[in-house]
Amino acid sequence: MYHRYIEAGIYCLLFHFCVKKIVNFDTHHKQNIMKKSFITALALVASTSYAQLNLLSDSNFGSNSIVNLNPGLSGFLSYHFINGKIIVQNFDLSTSSLTDSRITLLGTDGSIDSSFGTGGSFACPLMYGTAGSDDFIHNSGAADMMMFSGKKFHYDGTLDSTYGTAGQTEIQANEVYRKVLPNGNLLIRTTDRIYQLNPSGQLDSTFGISGTIACNSILSNYTNTAFSNNEKFVAFHSGNSVIEYESNNSTLRKMNYTTGNYDTSFGINGNAQYTVGASATIMKFCMMNDNSLINYLFEESNPSAKFLTKTLPSGMLDTSFGSNGRIDLPGNMNGTDLLYAQDFTMVNNHVVIPVMDNSYPRKLFLLSADGSNLSTINGQNLLDTGITTSMINPDDKISISAKDNYLYLMISPRIIKRYVISNNVLAVNETDRTIDVWFVNPFRNELNLITNEEIKSVEIFDKSGRLIMKSRSSKNINTSGLQKGIYIIKITTQKDKIISKKGMKL
């Protein structure tokens, strides 16, 4: 199953530091020289229209950015973010023949929320229906979760008896996916029909005929729910529509969920363009804010050949993306053979993909690309996550998501790693804006923060994102122990505002 997506933004920077006069060279506008006198934290000019993204291992999450779940759990069946917390669903190894999954709620710092279920988790039957389909969470709210089996659980692990019939809706024949609509109704897509249930779990009699309509095209009957691990794989589009991808027939189509009809003006005769060159299969796509799609694919004749494309909101291929409409991902970088996970996410119009090397145990890295070519994270072509794994191939065993100001890695069997997404470079037209926290840059043996903010903590990371030192409640930090070089400085205020900047130690 190919789901989830990657979000990261990486940009090329030039640093020019001087206490009294700073000369900024914008490589995009050659020889355009600006001079300005001020004491500042950074004088940074981006050579693209985006600010650079740096990923900082979040020392406030778990143990130095990593949560290792209970050893009785294995594999990530689904995960959802709600109000800064994470709901994770894993196989429960304590049950014979893996008959149950276990659903756990983690707090904002990665600790188990003991108010959830019994001591922070509860068990749920893994399979449902006569066909024995796997059951996953497809939607989570502030106090409840909805399953593909039609069940709705409260956070204490009990069924919501007011929902459907005794806490469960009817299972329709040949269901493919379920998705909660903006109006609160539940959309159920079968191979040839659409059903809508109201928020109480009953068929919405105002929709179609007694709550259902026929579709003008048929989806294949998947033996397992097609979009099980992440309901966002069925992406909303404009005009009461969803995007449906079916690998069996190599179709990517836009369907109006109020009429059941495919939009024949989308792409070519209703089929979006998503590949260029050899025939290819989509592993994952991500819907952007403008309704364009970033697609992550492999060539069917050569599955090790991975590449990216972009589908415009009209359904046509964006030939200006990459080179002639595609960005080819390297099979080898810096002498390291790469094994690609089947997941990616987007942050600030940049793609981030988890990859592993060919050593054993395997090292896990992050690789990035922007709209034209490969790019860097923290100035590196491959960002070392510091994680090694015994898995042979990443396939769908590694997931990645960006939520709020964080980037999450879910690594089977039970590891979660969190980064702080740090957009710490001002665009050219923002260099005069007031910065909340200032310091003389470059600095030497002491970092002195100039701010009216009350400081909770200051963390200093090296370029790879590793935490080097941490100071609490101080605006004057002794940096004599730091080696010369570039550092990422994460400042957390007493109001929990996070400010991240780059600094140079002389």
Protein backbone atom coordinates (compact mmCIF):
# COMPACT_ATOMS: atom_id res chain seq x y z
CA MET A 1 0.00 0.00 0.00
CA TYR A 2 1.44 3.29 -0.97
CA HIS A 3 0.35 6.17 1.20
CA ARG A 4 1.33 9.31 3.05
CA TYR A 5 3.49 12.17 2.03
CA ILE A 6 6.47 14.38 2.65
CA GLU A 7 6.89 17.97 3.27
CA ALA A 8 10.17 19.88 3.41
CA GLY A 9 11.71 23.06 1.98
CA ILE A 10 15.39 23.49 1.27
CA TYR A 11 17.07 26.53 -0.09
CA CYS A 12 20.48 27.85 -1.09
CA LEU A 13 21.91 30.58 1.19
CA LEU A 14 24.76 33.07 1.28
CA PHE A 15 25.97 34.34 4.64
CA HIS A 16 27.82 37.63 4.98
CA PHE A 17 28.41 38.83 8.51
CA CYS A 18 29.71 42.15 9.75
CA VAL A 19 28.88 44.11 12.91
CA LYS A 20 28.63 47.57 11.38
CA LYS A 21 28.16 47.03 7.66
CA ILE A 22 26.72 44.00 6.01
CA VAL A 23 26.86 43.53 2.28
CA ASN A 24 24.28 41.11 0.96
CA PHE A 25 24.82 39.51 -2.45
CA ASP A 26 21.60 38.15 -4.00
CA THR A 27 22.72 35.51 -6.47
CA HIS A 28 19.40 35.76 -8.28
CA HIS A 29 19.95 39.46 -9.02
CA LYS A 30 23.66 39.61 -9.77
CA GLN A 31 25.67 42.58 -8.53
CA ASN A 32 22.61 44.03 -6.73
CA ILE A 33 24.44 45.22 -3.62
CA MET A 34 22.71 46.49 -0.49
CA LYS A 35 24.49 47.95 2.52
CA LYS A 36 22.93 48.26 5.91
CA SER A 37 24.33 49.15 9.35
CA PHE A 38 22.92 47.21 12.31
CA ILE A 39 23.76 44.52 14.85
CA THR A 40 21.79 41.47 13.85
CA ALA A 41 21.49 37.79 14.42
CA LEU A 42 21.81 36.95 10.76
CA ALA A 43 22.13 38.64 7.41
CA LEU A 44 20.76 36.03 5.07
CA VAL A 45 19.65 36.29 1.48
CA ALA A 46 17.89 33.40 -0.22
CA SER A 47 18.78 32.60 -3.79
CA THR A 48 15.30 31.19 -4.37
CA SER A 49 11.86 32.50 -3.49
CA TYR A 50 11.68 30.27 -0.43
CA ALA A 51 13.36 30.33 2.97
CA GLN A 52 15.74 27.54 3.85
CA LEU A 53 14.39 24.67 5.89
CA ASN A 54 16.51 23.13 8.61
CA LEU A 55 15.43 20.07 10.55
CA LEU A 56 16.33 20.07 14.23
CA SER A 57 16.02 16.89 16.27
CA ASP A 58 13.38 17.82 18.85
CA SER A 59 14.91 17.16 22.28
CA ASN A 60 11.53 17.93 23.88
CA PHE A 61 10.01 14.84 22.27
CA GLY A 62 10.56 11.44 23.86
CA SER A 63 14.20 10.70 24.64
CA ASN A 64 16.24 13.21 22.62
CA SER A 65 13.65 13.33 19.77
CA ILE A 66 12.81 9.60 19.70
CA VAL A 67 9.88 7.64 21.14
CA ASN A 68 10.28 3.88 21.28
CA LEU A 69 6.84 2.36 21.79
CA ASN A 70 6.01 -0.58 24.04
CA PRO A 71 7.94 -3.71 22.90
CA GLY A 72 4.60 -5.53 22.83
CA LEU A 73 3.68 -3.48 19.76
CA SER A 74 4.89 -3.84 16.19
CA GLY A 75 4.32 -2.04 12.88
CA PHE A 76 2.35 1.15 12.23
CA LEU A 77 -1.13 0.38 10.93
CA SER A 78 -2.31 3.99 11.07
CA TYR A 79 -1.53 7.27 12.78
CA HIS A 80 -3.36 10.57 13.17
CA PHE A 81 -2.54 13.97 14.62
CA ILE A 82 -5.05 15.79 16.81
CA ASN A 83 -4.50 18.91 18.92
CA GLY A 84 -0.74 18.39 19.04
CA LYS A 85 -1.10 14.74 20.11
CA ILE A 86 -0.59 11.54 18.10
CA ILE A 87 -2.90 8.55 17.86
CA VAL A 88 -0.97 5.47 16.71
CA GLN A 89 -2.32 2.04 15.84
CA ASN A 90 -0.01 -0.98 15.94
CA PHE A 91 -0.18 -4.76 15.91
CA ASP A 92 -0.67 -6.07 19.45
CA LEU A 93 1.86 -8.89 19.87
CA SER A 94 0.23 -10.04 23.10
CA THR A 95 -2.71 -11.54 21.16
CA SER A 96 -2.46 -14.95 19.55
CA SER A 97 -2.16 -14.87 15.76
CA LEU A 98 -2.15 -11.05 15.86
CA THR A 99 -5.94 -10.88 16.14
CA ASP A 100 -5.92 -7.41 17.75
CA SER A 101 -4.41 -4.03 17.13
CA ARG A 102 -3.64 -1.59 19.93
CA ILE A 103 -4.47 2.11 19.77
CA THR A 104 -2.30 4.47 21.84
CA LEU A 105 -2.41 8.22 22.44
CA LEU A 106 0.87 10.11 22.83
CA GLY A 107 1.03 13.57 24.37
CA THR A 108 2.74 16.55 22.77
CA ASP A 109 6.06 15.50 24.33
CA GLY A 110 5.73 11.88 23.17
CA SER A 111 4.74 10.48 26.56
CA ILE A 112 1.75 8.15 26.84
CA ASP A 113 -1.48 9.97 27.72
CA SER A 114 -2.80 7.85 30.61
CA SER A 115 -6.28 9.40 30.33
CA PHE A 116 -6.76 7.56 27.03
CA GLY A 117 -8.19 4.02 27.09
CA THR A 118 -6.74 2.05 30.01
CA GLY A 119 -3.41 3.54 30.99
CA GLY A 120 -2.97 5.18 27.60
CA SER A 121 -4.17 2.53 25.14
CA PHE A 122 -6.86 -0.01 24.31
CA ALA A 123 -7.15 -3.11 22.12
CA CYS A 124 -9.32 -3.33 19.02
CA PRO A 125 -10.09 -6.39 16.84
CA LEU A 126 -7.86 -6.21 13.81
CA MET A 127 -10.27 -7.80 11.34
CA TYR A 128 -13.93 -7.32 10.53
CA GLY A 129 -16.57 -8.66 8.14
CA THR A 130 -16.90 -12.06 6.55
CA ALA A 131 -13.92 -11.38 4.28
CA GLY A 132 -11.69 -10.65 7.27
CA SER A 133 -10.70 -7.16 6.15
CA ASP A 134 -8.14 -5.29 8.24
CA ASP A 135 -9.60 -2.55 10.44
CA PHE A 136 -7.91 0.85 10.60
CA ILE A 137 -8.68 4.28 11.99
CA HIS A 138 -9.76 6.48 9.07
CA ASN A 139 -10.70 9.61 11.00
CA SER A 140 -9.93 10.99 14.45
CA GLY A 141 -11.63 13.78 16.37
CA ALA A 142 -11.00 15.56 19.64
CA ALA A 143 -12.77 12.80 21.61
CA ASP A 144 -13.45 9.89 19.24
CA MET A 145 -12.13 7.74 16.37
CA MET A 146 -13.88 6.23 13.36
CA MET A 147 -12.87 2.84 11.99
CA PHE A 148 -13.28 1.25 8.56
CA SER A 149 -15.36 -1.41 10.29
CA GLY A 150 -17.98 1.31 10.96
CA LYS A 151 -17.21 1.46 14.67
CA LYS A 152 -16.83 4.74 16.50
CA PHE A 153 -14.77 4.64 19.69
CA HIS A 154 -14.61 7.16 22.51
CA TYR A 155 -11.15 7.98 23.84
CA ASP A 156 -11.82 5.72 26.82
CA GLY A 157 -12.01 2.74 24.45
CA THR A 158 -15.78 2.27 24.60
CA LEU A 159 -18.09 2.35 21.60
CA ASP A 160 -20.21 5.46 21.05
CA SER A 161 -23.65 3.89 21.55
CA THR A 162 -25.38 6.92 19.98
CA TYR A 163 -23.62 6.36 16.65
CA GLY A 164 -25.18 4.10 13.99
CA THR A 165 -26.60 1.01 15.65
CA ALA A 166 -25.01 0.43 19.06
CA GLY A 167 -21.84 2.26 18.01
CA GLN A 168 -21.41 0.88 14.50
CA THR A 169 -22.65 1.67 10.99
CA GLU A 170 -23.64 -0.89 8.41
CA ILE A 171 -20.85 -2.27 6.24
CA GLN A 172 -21.72 -1.94 2.55
CA ALA A 173 -20.79 -4.60 0.02
CA ASN A 174 -17.46 -4.07 -1.75
CA GLU A 175 -16.38 -0.98 0.19
CA VAL A 176 -13.22 0.71 -1.10
CA TYR A 177 -12.80 3.70 1.22
CA ARG A 178 -14.50 5.93 3.81
CA LYS A 179 -13.90 9.66 4.21
CA VAL A 180 -15.47 12.33 6.39
CA LEU A 181 -16.73 15.23 4.26
CA PRO A 182 -16.47 18.94 5.13
CA ASN A 183 -20.17 19.00 6.13
CA GLY A 184 -19.60 16.24 8.69
CA ASN A 185 -21.23 13.49 6.63
CA LEU A 186 -19.42 10.22 6.07
CA LEU A 187 -18.73 9.28 2.44
CA ILE A 188 -18.61 5.54 1.77
CA ARG A 189 -17.27 4.58 -1.66
CA THR A 190 -17.94 1.07 -2.95
CA THR A 191 -16.89 -0.33 -6.32
CA ASP A 192 -19.94 1.18 -8.02
CA ARG A 193 -21.88 3.33 -5.54
CA ILE A 194 -21.60 6.22 -3.09
CA TYR A 195 -23.33 6.34 0.28
CA GLN A 196 -23.55 9.29 2.64
CA LEU A 197 -24.21 8.91 6.34
CA ASN A 198 -25.09 11.82 8.60
CA PRO A 199 -23.01 12.60 11.71
CA SER A 200 -25.24 10.23 13.72
CA GLY A 201 -24.19 7.30 11.55
CA GLN A 202 -27.52 6.93 9.68
CA LEU A 203 -28.04 7.09 5.92
CA ASP A 204 -28.67 10.70 4.88
CA SER A 205 -32.12 10.55 3.28
CA THR A 206 -31.53 13.93 1.58
CA PHE A 207 -28.67 12.47 -0.46
CA GLY A 208 -29.54 10.67 -3.70
CA ILE A 209 -32.18 8.00 -3.27
CA SER A 210 -32.40 6.98 0.39
CA GLY A 211 -28.79 8.03 0.97
CA THR A 212 -27.07 6.47 -2.02
CA ILE A 213 -26.27 7.10 -5.70
CA ALA A 214 -24.68 5.07 -8.48
CA CYS A 215 -21.26 6.02 -9.89
CA ASN A 216 -20.66 6.32 -13.61
CA SER A 217 -17.46 4.31 -13.37
CA ILE A 218 -16.36 1.29 -11.39
CA LEU A 219 -13.40 0.90 -9.05
CA SER A 220 -11.72 -2.46 -8.66
CA ASN A 221 -12.77 -4.51 -5.67
CA TYR A 222 -9.65 -4.47 -3.49
CA THR A 223 -9.34 -7.37 -1.08
CA ASN A 224 -8.12 -4.88 1.53
CA THR A 225 -9.36 -1.34 1.96
CA ALA A 226 -7.49 0.62 -0.67
CA PHE A 227 -6.66 3.69 1.33
CA SER A 228 -6.45 2.18 4.77
CA ASN A 229 -3.47 3.72 6.52
CA ASN A 230 -4.20 7.36 5.83
CA GLU A 231 -7.55 8.75 4.72
CA LYS A 232 -5.78 11.74 3.17
CA PHE A 233 -4.73 9.49 0.30
CA VAL A 234 -8.22 10.21 -1.04
CA ALA A 235 -7.60 13.89 -1.57
CA PHE A 236 -10.29 16.55 -1.73
CA HIS A 237 -10.32 18.65 -4.90
CA SER A 238 -12.34 21.71 -5.84
CA GLY A 239 -16.07 21.49 -6.56
CA ASN A 240 -17.21 18.74 -4.15
CA SER A 241 -14.73 16.33 -5.69
CA VAL A 242 -12.17 13.77 -4.62
CA ILE A 243 -9.17 12.43 -6.52
CA GLU A 244 -9.18 8.65 -6.96
CA TYR A 245 -6.14 6.71 -8.13
CA GLU A 246 -6.51 3.13 -9.25
CA SER A 247 -3.28 1.32 -10.05
CA ASN A 248 -5.09 -1.66 -11.59
CA ASN A 249 -6.23 0.48 -14.51
CA SER A 250 -3.57 3.22 -14.18
CA THR A 251 -6.20 5.94 -13.77
CA LEU A 252 -6.09 9.14 -11.74
CA ARG A 253 -9.52 10.74 -11.88
CA LYS A 254 -11.61 13.47 -10.30
CA MET A 255 -15.04 12.36 -9.06
CA ASN A 256 -17.87 14.59 -7.86
CA TYR A 257 -19.09 12.91 -4.68
CA THR A 258 -22.52 14.59 -4.87
CA THR A 259 -23.30 13.22 -8.36
CA GLY A 260 -21.08 10.14 -8.64
CA ASN A 261 -19.77 11.37 -12.00
CA TYR A 262 -16.19 11.69 -13.14
CA ASP A 263 -15.12 15.07 -14.52
CA THR A 264 -14.41 14.43 -18.20
CA SER A 265 -12.75 17.86 -18.54
CA PHE A 266 -10.07 16.80 -16.05
CA GLY A 267 -6.86 15.79 -17.81
CA ILE A 268 -7.57 13.96 -21.09
CA ASN A 269 -11.13 12.59 -21.22
CA GLY A 270 -11.25 12.50 -17.44
CA ASN A 271 -7.87 10.84 -16.90
CA ALA A 272 -5.14 12.98 -15.36
CA GLN A 273 -1.63 12.96 -16.77
CA TYR A 274 0.84 11.91 -14.12
CA THR A 275 3.80 10.27 -15.86
CA VAL A 276 6.23 11.02 -18.66
CA GLY A 277 8.39 8.48 -20.43
CA ALA A 278 8.03 4.85 -19.38
CA SER A 279 4.80 3.46 -17.91
CA ALA A 280 4.81 4.04 -14.16
CA THR A 281 2.85 3.38 -10.99
CA ILE A 282 2.09 6.02 -8.38
CA MET A 283 3.28 5.09 -4.90
CA LYS A 284 1.90 8.26 -3.36
CA PHE A 285 0.53 11.62 -4.38
CA CYS A 286 0.12 14.80 -2.39
CA MET A 287 -2.55 17.44 -2.98
CA MET A 288 -1.14 20.96 -2.83
CA ASN A 289 -3.06 24.08 -1.75
CA ASP A 290 -3.66 25.08 -5.37
CA ASN A 291 -5.14 21.61 -6.17
CA SER A 292 -2.06 20.51 -8.10
CA LEU A 293 -0.63 17.06 -7.34
CA ILE A 294 2.95 16.03 -6.61
CA ASN A 295 3.33 12.39 -7.66
CA TYR A 296 5.93 9.87 -6.48
CA LEU A 297 6.30 6.98 -8.91
CA PHE A 298 8.35 3.98 -10.02
CA GLU A 299 8.83 2.71 -13.56
CA GLU A 300 6.95 -0.54 -14.14
CA SER A 301 9.74 -1.97 -16.30
CA ASN A 302 12.38 -0.96 -13.74
CA PRO A 303 10.87 -0.67 -10.23
CA SER A 304 14.15 0.62 -8.79
CA ALA A 305 13.82 3.75 -10.96
CA LYS A 306 11.96 6.32 -8.83
CA PHE A 307 10.90 9.79 -9.97
CA LEU A 308 8.60 12.74 -9.26
CA THR A 309 6.07 14.54 -11.46
CA LYS A 310 3.51 17.30 -11.03
CA THR A 311 -0.10 17.26 -12.23
CA LEU A 312 -1.68 20.69 -12.67
CA PRO A 313 -5.15 21.50 -11.22
CA SER A 314 -6.52 20.96 -14.74
CA GLY A 315 -5.26 17.37 -14.71
CA MET A 316 -2.53 18.04 -17.27
CA LEU A 317 1.15 17.30 -16.68
CA ASP A 318 3.33 20.25 -15.66
CA THR A 319 6.15 20.01 -18.19
CA SER A 320 8.04 22.86 -16.46
CA PHE A 321 8.52 20.64 -13.40
CA GLY A 322 12.05 19.26 -13.18
CA SER A 323 13.49 18.29 -16.55
CA ASN A 324 10.76 17.88 -19.17
CA GLY A 325 8.18 17.16 -16.51
CA ARG A 326 10.00 14.81 -14.13
CA ILE A 327 12.71 14.72 -11.47
CA ASP A 328 14.65 11.45 -11.52
CA LEU A 329 15.73 10.28 -8.08
CA PRO A 330 19.28 8.89 -7.83
CA GLY A 331 19.94 5.22 -7.20
CA ASN A 332 23.34 6.14 -5.79
CA MET A 333 24.57 9.27 -4.05
CA ASN A 334 28.06 9.98 -2.73
CA GLY A 335 28.94 6.34 -3.39
CA THR A 336 25.96 5.08 -1.39
CA ASP A 337 23.31 2.87 -3.01
CA LEU A 338 19.87 4.08 -1.96
CA LEU A 339 16.74 2.13 -1.07
CA TYR A 340 13.60 4.28 -1.18
CA ALA A 341 10.62 4.17 1.17
CA GLN A 342 7.20 4.36 -0.48
CA ASP A 343 6.26 7.57 1.32
CA PHE A 344 6.96 11.29 1.05
CA THR A 345 5.69 14.58 2.43
CA MET A 346 5.72 18.24 1.44
CA VAL A 347 6.90 21.32 3.30
CA ASN A 348 7.14 24.71 1.60
CA ASN A 349 6.93 23.15 -1.88
CA HIS A 350 9.81 20.75 -1.26
CA VAL A 351 9.65 16.97 -1.26
CA VAL A 352 11.29 14.89 1.49
CA ILE A 353 11.72 11.14 1.10
CA PRO A 354 13.11 8.60 3.59
CA VAL A 355 15.90 6.48 2.09
CA MET A 356 18.22 3.78 3.44
CA ASP A 357 21.74 2.80 2.44
CA ASN A 358 22.82 -0.68 1.38
CA SER A 359 24.85 -1.47 4.48
CA TYR A 360 23.56 -3.71 7.26
CA PRO A 361 22.12 -2.75 9.63
CA ARG A 362 20.81 -0.04 7.34
CA LYS A 363 21.22 3.67 8.04
CA LEU A 364 18.21 5.90 7.52
CA PHE A 365 18.57 9.23 5.69
CA LEU A 366 16.30 11.96 4.37
CA LEU A 367 16.58 13.16 0.76
CA SER A 368 14.91 16.25 -0.69
CA ALA A 369 13.92 17.80 -4.02
CA ASP A 370 12.35 21.11 -4.97
CA GLY A 371 10.39 21.95 -8.11
CA SER A 372 13.43 21.83 -10.36
CA ASN A 373 15.96 19.33 -9.01
CA LEU A 374 17.43 17.67 -5.94
CA SER A 375 18.05 20.00 -3.00
CA THR A 376 19.60 19.82 0.46
CA ILE A 377 18.53 19.55 4.09
CA ASN A 378 20.72 21.37 6.60
CA GLY A 379 23.10 21.91 3.68
CA GLN A 380 23.49 18.16 3.12
CA ASN A 381 22.47 16.00 0.16
CA LEU A 382 21.54 13.20 2.55
CA LEU A 383 20.54 14.03 6.12
CA ASP A 384 21.62 11.28 8.51
CA THR A 385 18.73 10.66 10.94
CA GLY A 386 21.03 8.78 13.34
CA ILE A 387 18.73 5.75 13.09
CA THR A 388 19.81 2.29 11.97
CA THR A 389 17.38 -0.53 11.28
CA SER A 390 17.53 -4.24 10.60
CA MET A 391 14.79 -4.13 7.95
CA ILE A 392 15.88 -5.47 4.56
CA ASN A 393 13.86 -3.02 2.44
CA PRO A 394 11.95 0.10 3.58
CA ASP A 395 8.92 -0.44 1.29
CA ASP A 396 5.92 0.79 3.32
CA LYS A 397 7.61 0.22 6.69
CA ILE A 398 8.73 3.87 7.00
CA SER A 399 6.22 6.72 6.99
CA ILE A 400 6.77 10.46 7.09
CA SER A 401 4.41 13.37 7.76
CA ALA A 402 4.64 17.08 8.45
CA LYS A 403 2.20 18.55 10.92
CA ASP A 404 2.25 22.11 12.25
CA ASN A 405 5.93 22.92 12.84
CA TYR A 406 7.10 19.30 13.11
CA LEU A 407 8.30 16.53 10.82
CA TYR A 408 7.56 12.98 12.00
CA LEU A 409 9.16 9.68 11.00
CA MET A 410 7.32 6.44 11.83
CA ILE A 411 9.78 3.56 11.55
CA SER A 412 8.67 -0.04 11.99
CA PRO A 413 8.51 -1.82 14.26
CA ARG A 414 7.90 0.92 16.88
CA ILE A 415 10.09 4.06 16.56
CA ILE A 416 8.81 7.63 16.17
CA LYS A 417 11.30 10.45 15.56
CA ARG A 418 10.36 14.13 15.53
CA TYR A 419 12.14 17.12 14.01
CA VAL A 420 11.38 20.80 14.45
CA ILE A 421 10.93 22.41 11.04
CA SER A 422 13.01 25.56 11.17
CA ASN A 423 12.40 28.20 8.52
CA ASN A 424 15.11 30.54 9.71
CA VAL A 425 16.04 32.66 6.70
CA LEU A 426 14.40 35.94 5.82
CA ALA A 427 13.49 36.62 2.21
CA VAL A 428 15.22 39.58 0.55
CA ASN A 429 12.26 41.88 1.10
CA GLU A 430 12.06 40.90 4.76
CA THR A 431 15.56 41.86 5.91
CA ASP A 432 14.32 45.05 7.58
CA ARG A 433 11.64 43.37 9.64
CA THR A 434 11.98 43.27 13.43
CA ILE A 435 13.26 39.98 14.76
CA ASP A 436 12.06 38.90 18.19
CA VAL A 437 15.46 37.70 19.36
CA TRP A 438 18.82 39.21 18.35
CA PHE A 439 22.44 38.36 18.95
CA VAL A 440 25.79 39.51 17.60
CA ASN A 441 26.70 37.21 14.75
CA PRO A 442 29.29 35.76 14.34
CA PHE A 443 29.74 35.06 18.05
CA ARG A 444 32.76 33.82 19.93
CA ASN A 445 32.85 32.36 23.45
CA GLU A 446 29.51 33.76 24.57
CA LEU A 447 26.12 33.99 22.90
CA ASN A 448 24.21 36.98 24.30
CA LEU A 449 20.52 37.16 23.40
CA ILE A 450 19.00 40.62 23.02
CA THR A 451 15.25 40.35 23.59
CA ASN A 452 12.36 41.38 25.80
CA GLU A 453 11.11 37.80 25.74
CA GLU A 454 11.47 35.54 28.78
CA ILE A 455 13.59 32.57 27.74
CA LYS A 456 12.70 29.00 28.69
CA SER A 457 15.56 27.23 26.91
CA VAL A 458 18.24 27.62 24.24
CA GLU A 459 19.36 24.58 22.23
CA ILE A 460 22.29 24.58 19.83
CA PHE A 461 22.44 22.01 17.02
CA ASP A 462 25.14 21.21 14.50
CA LYS A 463 24.42 21.21 10.75
CA SER A 464 23.32 17.56 10.84
CA GLY A 465 20.61 18.43 13.38
CA ARG A 466 22.30 16.80 16.38
CA LEU A 467 21.86 18.56 19.71
CA ILE A 468 25.23 19.87 20.90
CA MET A 469 24.31 21.85 24.02
CA LYS A 470 21.29 23.12 25.93
CA SER A 471 20.85 26.03 28.33
CA ARG A 472 17.81 26.87 30.45
CA SER A 473 16.37 30.27 31.41
CA SER A 474 19.44 32.24 30.37
CA LYS A 475 20.08 34.96 27.80
CA ASN A 476 23.86 34.60 28.17
CA ILE A 477 25.22 31.24 27.04
CA ASN A 478 28.84 30.17 27.42
CA THR A 479 29.86 28.81 24.01
CA SER A 480 33.58 28.43 24.65
CA GLY A 481 33.23 24.66 24.29
CA LEU A 482 31.85 24.88 20.76
CA GLN A 483 34.11 24.33 17.78
CA LYS A 484 34.23 26.94 15.02
CA GLY A 485 31.48 26.53 12.47
CA ILE A 486 27.81 27.05 11.58
CA TYR A 487 25.16 26.15 14.17
CA ILE A 488 21.38 26.17 14.36
CA ILE A 489 20.12 27.93 17.48
CA LYS A 490 16.64 27.04 18.73
CA ILE A 491 15.21 29.46 21.28
CA THR A 492 12.05 28.57 23.22
CA THR A 493 10.32 31.38 25.12
CA GLN A 494 8.28 31.03 28.29
CA LYS A 495 5.20 31.40 26.06
CA ASP A 496 6.40 28.32 24.14
CA LYS A 497 7.20 30.31 21.03
CA ILE A 498 10.01 28.68 19.09
CA ILE A 499 12.50 30.85 17.20
CA SER A 500 15.25 29.16 15.17
CA LYS A 501 18.22 30.93 13.63
CA LYS A 502 21.61 30.14 12.16
CA GLY A 503 24.75 31.46 13.79
CA MET A 504 28.48 31.26 13.21
CA LYS A 505 31.01 30.51 15.96
CA LEU A 506 34.42 32.10 15.34
